[in-house]
N, C-alpha and C. Protein backbone atom coordinates (compact mmCIF):
# COMPACT_ATOMS: atom_id res chain seq x y z
N MET A 1 -38.58 50.01 15.41
CA MET A 1 -38.51 48.59 16.19
C MET A 1 -36.75 48.67 16.84
N ASP A 2 -36.70 48.20 18.00
CA ASP A 2 -35.38 48.27 18.62
C ASP A 2 -34.37 47.42 17.71
N GLU A 3 -33.21 48.31 17.52
CA GLU A 3 -31.98 47.66 16.99
C GLU A 3 -31.63 46.02 17.19
N ARG A 4 -31.69 46.21 18.73
CA ARG A 4 -31.16 44.81 19.36
C ARG A 4 -32.21 43.48 18.71
N LEU A 5 -33.48 43.81 18.93
CA LEU A 5 -34.46 42.86 18.62
C LEU A 5 -34.36 42.54 17.19
N LYS A 6 -34.24 43.76 16.41
CA LYS A 6 -34.06 43.10 14.86
C LYS A 6 -32.97 42.43 14.59
N LYS A 7 -31.86 42.59 15.44
CA LYS A 7 -30.77 41.63 15.22
C LYS A 7 -30.96 40.13 15.69
N ILE A 8 -31.70 40.17 16.66
CA ILE A 8 -31.89 38.75 17.21
C ILE A 8 -32.89 38.07 16.40
N LEU A 9 -33.99 39.06 15.64
CA LEU A 9 -34.94 38.12 14.78
C LEU A 9 -34.26 37.90 13.44
N ASN A 10 -32.97 38.66 13.00
CA ASN A 10 -32.42 38.51 12.05
C ASN A 10 -31.42 37.16 11.94
N LEU A 11 -31.12 36.62 13.36
CA LEU A 11 -30.23 35.67 13.40
C LEU A 11 -31.24 34.25 13.24
N VAL A 12 -32.54 34.38 13.87
CA VAL A 12 -33.12 33.49 13.45
C VAL A 12 -33.56 33.22 12.14
N LYS A 13 -33.84 34.46 11.54
CA LYS A 13 -33.98 34.36 10.00
C LYS A 13 -33.00 33.51 9.38
N GLU A 14 -31.65 33.82 9.60
CA GLU A 14 -30.59 33.35 8.91
C GLU A 14 -30.36 31.95 9.44
N GLY A 15 -30.95 31.19 10.20
CA GLY A 15 -30.82 30.16 10.63
C GLY A 15 -29.62 29.87 11.82
N LYS A 16 -29.17 30.90 12.67
CA LYS A 16 -28.09 30.95 13.31
C LYS A 16 -28.29 30.64 14.83
N ILE A 17 -29.51 31.11 14.93
CA ILE A 17 -30.24 30.60 16.46
C ILE A 17 -31.46 29.95 16.30
N SER A 18 -32.13 29.23 17.17
CA SER A 18 -33.58 28.74 17.15
C SER A 18 -34.35 29.63 17.50
N PRO A 19 -35.62 29.61 17.29
CA PRO A 19 -36.71 30.56 17.86
C PRO A 19 -36.68 30.43 19.34
N GLN A 20 -36.45 29.16 20.10
CA GLN A 20 -36.26 29.16 21.67
C GLN A 20 -35.20 30.05 22.05
N GLU A 21 -34.14 29.92 21.69
CA GLU A 21 -32.98 31.08 21.76
C GLU A 21 -33.22 32.10 21.59
N ALA A 22 -33.92 32.84 20.57
CA ALA A 22 -34.39 34.20 20.32
C ALA A 22 -35.29 34.55 21.55
N ASP A 23 -36.06 33.61 21.90
CA ASP A 23 -37.21 33.83 22.99
C ASP A 23 -36.39 34.18 24.42
N ASN A 24 -35.30 33.11 24.48
CA ASN A 24 -34.73 33.62 25.84
C ASN A 24 -34.03 34.86 25.63
N LEU A 25 -33.16 35.23 24.76
CA LEU A 25 -32.47 36.66 24.41
C LEU A 25 -33.59 37.71 24.29
N ILE A 26 -34.60 37.48 23.69
CA ILE A 26 -35.71 38.69 23.98
C ILE A 26 -36.16 38.78 25.34
N SER A 27 -36.39 37.73 26.10
CA SER A 27 -36.81 37.92 27.48
C SER A 27 -35.85 38.40 28.18
N ALA A 28 -34.63 37.98 28.14
CA ALA A 28 -33.66 38.53 28.96
C ALA A 28 -33.44 40.16 28.61
N LEU A 29 -33.62 40.49 27.28
CA LEU A 29 -33.29 41.90 27.13
C LEU A 29 -34.42 42.92 27.49
N TYR A 30 -35.47 42.50 27.71
CA TYR A 30 -36.41 43.42 28.36
C TYR A 30 -36.89 43.03 29.58
N GLU A 31 -36.07 42.12 30.31
CA GLU A 31 -36.40 41.78 31.84
C GLU A 31 -36.03 42.99 32.58
N LYS A 32 -36.74 43.47 33.72
CA LYS A 32 -36.67 44.47 34.64
C LYS A 32 -35.84 44.00 35.79
N ASP A 33 -34.72 45.00 35.91
CA ASP A 33 -33.85 44.69 37.13
C ASP A 33 -34.56 45.40 38.28
N ASP A 34 -34.91 44.52 39.37
CA ASP A 34 -35.72 45.04 40.62
C ASP A 34 -34.55 45.09 41.65
N SER A 35 -33.55 44.79 41.65
CA SER A 35 -32.60 44.70 42.70
C SER A 35 -32.26 46.34 43.22
N LYS A 36 -32.71 46.52 44.40
CA LYS A 36 -32.21 47.96 45.16
C LYS A 36 -31.91 49.12 43.69
N ASP A 37 -30.78 49.54 43.51
CA ASP A 37 -30.96 50.56 42.63
C ASP A 37 -30.27 49.92 41.03
N GLY A 38 -30.64 48.87 41.03
CA GLY A 38 -29.93 48.37 39.69
C GLY A 38 -28.38 48.23 39.25
N LYS A 39 -27.87 48.75 40.32
CA LYS A 39 -26.33 48.55 40.38
C LYS A 39 -25.67 47.46 41.03
N CYS A 40 -25.84 46.60 40.33
CA CYS A 40 -25.64 45.10 41.35
C CYS A 40 -24.31 44.63 40.33
N TYR A 41 -23.37 43.92 41.30
CA TYR A 41 -22.34 43.42 40.30
C TYR A 41 -21.56 42.10 40.76
N LEU A 42 -21.44 41.02 40.09
CA LEU A 42 -20.45 39.99 40.53
C LEU A 42 -19.23 40.20 40.58
N SER A 43 -18.47 40.17 41.39
CA SER A 43 -17.32 40.53 41.56
C SER A 43 -16.30 39.30 41.81
N VAL A 44 -15.08 39.00 41.01
CA VAL A 44 -14.20 38.21 41.24
C VAL A 44 -12.89 38.57 41.19
N LYS A 45 -12.27 38.11 42.46
CA LYS A 45 -10.83 38.86 42.68
C LYS A 45 -10.12 37.66 43.05
N VAL A 46 -8.97 37.84 42.37
CA VAL A 46 -7.63 36.73 42.81
C VAL A 46 -6.24 37.56 43.32
N PHE A 47 -6.12 37.00 44.36
CA PHE A 47 -4.77 37.56 44.68
C PHE A 47 -3.52 36.55 45.04
N LYS A 48 -2.43 36.82 44.37
CA LYS A 48 -1.20 35.98 44.44
C LYS A 48 -0.24 36.64 45.30
N SER A 49 0.05 36.22 46.36
CA SER A 49 1.17 36.79 47.21
C SER A 49 0.75 38.14 47.44
N ASP A 50 -0.47 38.74 47.77
CA ASP A 50 -1.08 39.78 48.12
C ASP A 50 -0.92 40.81 47.04
N ASN A 51 -0.91 40.69 45.74
CA ASN A 51 -0.94 41.38 44.63
C ASN A 51 -2.15 40.58 43.83
N LYS A 52 -3.29 41.66 43.67
CA LYS A 52 -4.28 41.44 42.76
C LYS A 52 -4.14 41.13 41.32
N VAL A 53 -4.34 39.83 40.87
CA VAL A 53 -4.08 39.51 39.60
C VAL A 53 -5.10 39.42 38.57
N VAL A 54 -6.17 39.22 39.11
CA VAL A 54 -7.71 39.09 38.26
C VAL A 54 -8.78 39.88 39.16
N ASN A 55 -9.49 40.98 38.58
CA ASN A 55 -10.17 41.95 39.20
C ASN A 55 -11.43 41.96 37.94
N ILE A 56 -12.50 41.14 38.09
CA ILE A 56 -13.49 41.14 37.18
C ILE A 56 -14.86 41.59 38.00
N LYS A 57 -15.68 42.47 37.25
CA LYS A 57 -16.46 43.08 37.95
C LYS A 57 -17.75 43.01 36.73
N LEU A 58 -18.72 42.21 36.90
CA LEU A 58 -19.75 42.12 35.72
C LEU A 58 -20.98 42.48 36.32
N PRO A 59 -21.74 43.40 35.54
CA PRO A 59 -22.95 43.67 35.84
C PRO A 59 -23.88 42.66 36.27
N ILE A 60 -24.87 42.31 37.36
CA ILE A 60 -25.69 41.20 37.28
C ILE A 60 -26.83 40.97 36.09
N LYS A 61 -27.18 42.21 35.70
CA LYS A 61 -27.90 42.20 34.56
C LYS A 61 -27.32 41.41 33.39
N PHE A 62 -26.18 41.77 33.34
CA PHE A 62 -25.37 41.12 32.00
C PHE A 62 -25.52 39.36 32.56
N VAL A 63 -24.75 39.18 33.77
CA VAL A 63 -25.02 37.87 34.08
C VAL A 63 -25.96 37.01 33.76
N LYS A 64 -27.01 37.69 34.32
CA LYS A 64 -28.51 36.83 34.10
C LYS A 64 -28.78 36.82 32.47
N PHE A 65 -28.73 37.83 31.81
CA PHE A 65 -28.80 37.82 30.39
C PHE A 65 -27.93 36.89 29.76
N MET A 66 -26.79 36.52 29.96
CA MET A 66 -25.98 35.65 29.34
C MET A 66 -26.32 34.32 29.81
N THR A 67 -26.65 34.01 31.11
CA THR A 67 -27.21 32.80 31.60
C THR A 67 -28.68 32.24 30.91
N LYS A 68 -29.40 33.28 30.78
CA LYS A 68 -30.62 32.91 30.02
C LYS A 68 -30.62 32.79 28.58
N ALA A 69 -29.56 33.44 28.09
CA ALA A 69 -29.40 33.18 26.57
C ALA A 69 -28.65 31.70 26.26
N SER A 70 -27.71 31.40 27.20
CA SER A 70 -26.95 30.39 26.96
C SER A 70 -27.52 28.93 27.57
N GLY A 71 -28.51 29.37 28.68
CA GLY A 71 -28.69 28.21 29.71
C GLY A 71 -27.91 27.61 30.68
N LYS A 72 -26.75 28.01 30.50
CA LYS A 72 -25.97 27.76 31.89
C LYS A 72 -24.88 28.75 31.95
N LEU A 73 -24.21 28.56 33.23
CA LEU A 73 -23.20 29.43 33.38
C LEU A 73 -21.98 29.18 32.75
N SER A 74 -21.14 30.24 32.52
CA SER A 74 -19.96 30.20 31.63
C SER A 74 -18.58 29.44 32.25
N PHE A 75 -18.93 29.36 33.56
CA PHE A 75 -17.53 28.71 34.05
C PHE A 75 -17.85 27.10 34.29
N ASP A 76 -17.10 26.60 34.59
CA ASP A 76 -16.77 25.04 35.06
C ASP A 76 -16.97 25.04 36.69
N ILE A 77 -18.11 24.57 37.37
CA ILE A 77 -18.27 24.56 38.85
C ILE A 77 -17.81 23.28 39.08
N GLN A 78 -16.76 23.02 39.64
CA GLN A 78 -16.18 21.87 40.13
C GLN A 78 -16.06 21.56 41.42
N ASP A 79 -16.09 22.81 42.15
CA ASP A 79 -16.06 22.87 43.64
C ASP A 79 -17.39 22.36 44.26
N ASP A 80 -17.53 21.17 44.89
CA ASP A 80 -18.88 20.77 45.38
C ASP A 80 -19.52 21.75 46.41
N SER A 81 -18.39 22.55 47.08
CA SER A 81 -19.00 23.38 48.25
C SER A 81 -19.67 24.61 47.73
N LEU A 82 -19.29 24.84 46.86
CA LEU A 82 -19.72 25.90 45.47
C LEU A 82 -21.11 25.39 45.27
N LYS A 83 -21.04 24.35 44.64
CA LYS A 83 -22.43 23.95 44.06
C LYS A 83 -23.58 23.87 45.13
N ASP A 84 -23.15 23.38 46.34
CA ASP A 84 -23.91 23.63 47.78
C ASP A 84 -24.44 24.61 48.04
N TYR A 85 -23.49 25.78 47.60
CA TYR A 85 -24.18 26.95 48.07
C TYR A 85 -25.15 27.70 47.26
N PHE A 86 -24.77 27.44 45.83
CA PHE A 86 -25.98 27.72 45.01
C PHE A 86 -27.05 27.11 45.19
N ASN A 87 -27.16 25.72 45.65
CA ASN A 87 -28.07 24.83 45.79
C ASN A 87 -28.79 25.55 46.88
N SER A 88 -28.16 26.01 48.01
CA SER A 88 -28.84 26.59 49.10
C SER A 88 -29.66 27.82 48.92
N LYS A 89 -29.01 28.30 48.05
CA LYS A 89 -29.78 29.70 47.46
C LYS A 89 -30.85 29.51 46.39
N GLY A 90 -31.20 28.29 46.11
CA GLY A 90 -32.21 27.69 45.28
C GLY A 90 -32.05 27.66 43.66
N ILE A 91 -30.47 27.68 43.58
CA ILE A 91 -30.12 27.66 42.07
C ILE A 91 -29.54 26.08 41.82
N LYS A 92 -30.51 25.63 41.31
CA LYS A 92 -30.08 24.11 40.86
C LYS A 92 -29.14 24.07 39.68
N ILE A 93 -27.73 23.48 39.92
CA ILE A 93 -26.69 23.56 38.58
C ILE A 93 -26.52 21.87 38.37
N GLU A 94 -26.57 21.77 37.13
CA GLU A 94 -25.97 20.32 36.77
C GLU A 94 -24.44 20.26 36.68
N LYS A 95 -24.24 19.13 36.56
CA LYS A 95 -22.50 18.91 36.53
C LYS A 95 -21.80 19.60 35.86
N ASP A 96 -22.67 19.67 34.45
CA ASP A 96 -22.18 20.93 33.28
C ASP A 96 -22.31 21.89 33.44
N GLY A 97 -22.50 22.57 34.46
CA GLY A 97 -22.51 24.06 34.57
C GLY A 97 -24.16 24.44 34.43
N ARG A 98 -24.98 23.58 33.68
CA ARG A 98 -26.39 24.22 33.43
C ARG A 98 -27.35 24.60 34.18
N ILE A 99 -28.07 25.49 34.18
CA ILE A 99 -29.03 26.02 35.30
C ILE A 99 -30.27 25.51 34.59
N VAL A 100 -30.79 24.48 35.75
CA VAL A 100 -32.07 23.85 35.56
C VAL A 100 -33.11 24.64 35.73
N ASP A 101 -33.41 25.49 36.28
CA ASP A 101 -34.33 26.42 36.44
C ASP A 101 -34.02 28.04 36.44
N PHE A 102 -34.38 28.51 35.36
CA PHE A 102 -33.73 30.02 35.16
C PHE A 102 -34.43 30.70 36.09
N GLU A 103 -35.81 30.90 36.21
CA GLU A 103 -36.59 31.68 37.22
C GLU A 103 -36.03 31.41 38.53
N SER A 104 -35.64 30.37 39.02
CA SER A 104 -35.15 30.29 40.38
C SER A 104 -34.02 31.10 40.41
N PHE A 105 -32.96 30.66 39.40
CA PHE A 105 -31.63 31.52 39.41
C PHE A 105 -31.86 33.07 39.19
N SER A 106 -32.51 33.46 38.57
CA SER A 106 -32.94 34.83 38.56
C SER A 106 -33.47 35.50 39.96
N LYS A 107 -34.22 34.72 40.62
CA LYS A 107 -34.65 35.10 41.95
C LYS A 107 -33.75 35.23 42.90
N ALA A 108 -33.01 34.09 42.78
CA ALA A 108 -31.71 33.89 43.74
C ALA A 108 -30.70 35.13 43.58
N ILE A 109 -30.42 35.42 42.49
CA ILE A 109 -29.49 36.50 42.15
C ILE A 109 -30.04 37.91 42.60
N ASP A 110 -31.36 38.01 42.45
CA ASP A 110 -32.01 39.06 43.08
C ASP A 110 -31.92 39.39 44.41
N GLU A 111 -32.07 37.94 45.25
CA GLU A 111 -32.04 37.93 46.90
C GLU A 111 -30.69 38.44 47.07
N LEU A 112 -29.76 37.83 46.31
CA LEU A 112 -27.97 38.17 46.75
C LEU A 112 -27.99 39.72 46.46
N CYS A 113 -28.41 40.13 45.43
CA CYS A 113 -28.45 41.88 45.31
C CYS A 113 -28.94 42.84 46.31
N ASN A 114 -30.26 41.76 46.97
CA ASN A 114 -30.81 42.81 47.84
C ASN A 114 -30.21 42.78 49.24
N GLU A 115 -29.25 41.76 49.40
CA GLU A 115 -28.27 41.41 50.37
C GLU A 115 -26.93 42.00 50.40
N ARG A 116 -26.68 42.68 49.38
CA ARG A 116 -25.31 42.86 48.99
C ARG A 116 -24.77 43.89 49.91
N PRO A 117 -23.49 44.20 50.16
CA PRO A 117 -22.46 43.14 49.71
C PRO A 117 -22.66 41.87 50.75
N ILE A 118 -22.24 40.68 49.81
CA ILE A 118 -22.30 39.51 50.25
C ILE A 118 -21.24 38.63 49.81
N ASN A 119 -20.30 37.99 50.34
CA ASN A 119 -19.57 36.96 50.03
C ASN A 119 -19.80 35.96 49.58
N ILE A 120 -19.46 35.37 48.60
CA ILE A 120 -20.27 33.55 48.03
C ILE A 120 -18.93 32.97 48.29
N VAL A 121 -17.78 33.36 47.92
CA VAL A 121 -16.57 32.41 47.80
C VAL A 121 -15.32 33.33 48.48
N ASP A 122 -14.78 32.75 49.42
CA ASP A 122 -13.75 33.34 49.97
C ASP A 122 -12.32 32.22 50.38
N ILE A 123 -11.68 32.13 49.55
CA ILE A 123 -10.48 30.94 49.57
C ILE A 123 -9.23 31.22 49.81
N ASP A 124 -8.50 30.82 50.65
CA ASP A 124 -7.09 30.86 50.96
C ASP A 124 -6.43 29.30 50.44
N ALA A 125 -5.52 29.73 49.62
CA ALA A 125 -4.82 28.43 49.38
C ALA A 125 -3.45 28.66 48.97
N LYS A 126 -2.42 27.76 48.67
CA LYS A 126 -1.03 27.87 48.21
C LYS A 126 -1.32 27.16 46.43
N ASP A 127 -0.53 27.85 45.76
CA ASP A 127 -0.35 27.59 44.50
C ASP A 127 0.96 26.19 44.52
N GLU A 128 0.94 25.84 43.24
CA GLU A 128 2.11 24.44 43.14
C GLU A 128 3.52 25.19 43.64
N LYS A 129 3.78 26.23 43.58
CA LYS A 129 5.21 26.81 43.96
C LYS A 129 4.82 27.25 45.40
N GLY A 130 4.06 27.08 45.97
CA GLY A 130 3.88 27.43 47.57
C GLY A 130 3.33 29.03 47.78
N GLU A 131 3.08 29.64 46.78
CA GLU A 131 2.71 31.06 47.07
C GLU A 131 1.24 31.17 47.30
N ASN A 132 0.99 32.08 48.38
CA ASN A 132 -0.46 32.20 48.65
C ASN A 132 -1.32 32.74 47.69
N VAL A 133 -2.27 32.04 47.30
CA VAL A 133 -3.40 32.43 46.27
C VAL A 133 -4.73 32.71 47.25
N LYS A 134 -5.49 33.96 46.98
CA LYS A 134 -6.74 33.99 47.75
C LYS A 134 -7.87 34.26 46.31
N VAL A 135 -8.81 33.69 46.62
CA VAL A 135 -9.90 33.86 45.73
C VAL A 135 -11.36 34.50 46.40
N LYS A 136 -11.72 35.51 45.59
CA LYS A 136 -12.78 36.10 46.49
C LYS A 136 -13.91 36.44 45.35
N ILE A 137 -14.97 35.89 45.56
CA ILE A 137 -16.15 35.98 44.73
C ILE A 137 -17.32 36.64 45.52
N SER A 138 -17.75 37.67 45.13
CA SER A 138 -19.01 38.29 45.86
C SER A 138 -19.90 39.11 45.13
N VAL A 139 -21.02 39.38 45.40
CA VAL A 139 -22.12 40.24 44.95
C VAL A 139 -22.06 41.80 45.58
N GLU A 140 -21.85 42.50 44.67
CA GLU A 140 -21.71 44.01 45.48
C GLU A 140 -22.61 44.86 44.62
């Protein structure tokens, strides 16, 4: 038996996760990645005065796994325009960041991967000190 599967089953046995949470984890563990070559990433970059201060690149497979396991995105989406963008792609997100329908989320993410590279968010703003700040979120 796969060691990862054994670990999930042990977590249920120990009462650390529910059977439903285990089911979500196991499903995500064995989910096939159908996007092009499977190498699809969520990229988050933040620039301050033209210096890159944040550069995060997460495999989409990991994003989908964590979303399915937790039932929500791990960041707080407060920008209504970003929520509108996700909704336009078929991803319904509650105010607390919870994904309403994981299957729709997964299909929408696969579509973004098939259209990559695609910019999701591209913001130019100023911080409290008046310095230029740029935020770029994309699927690569």
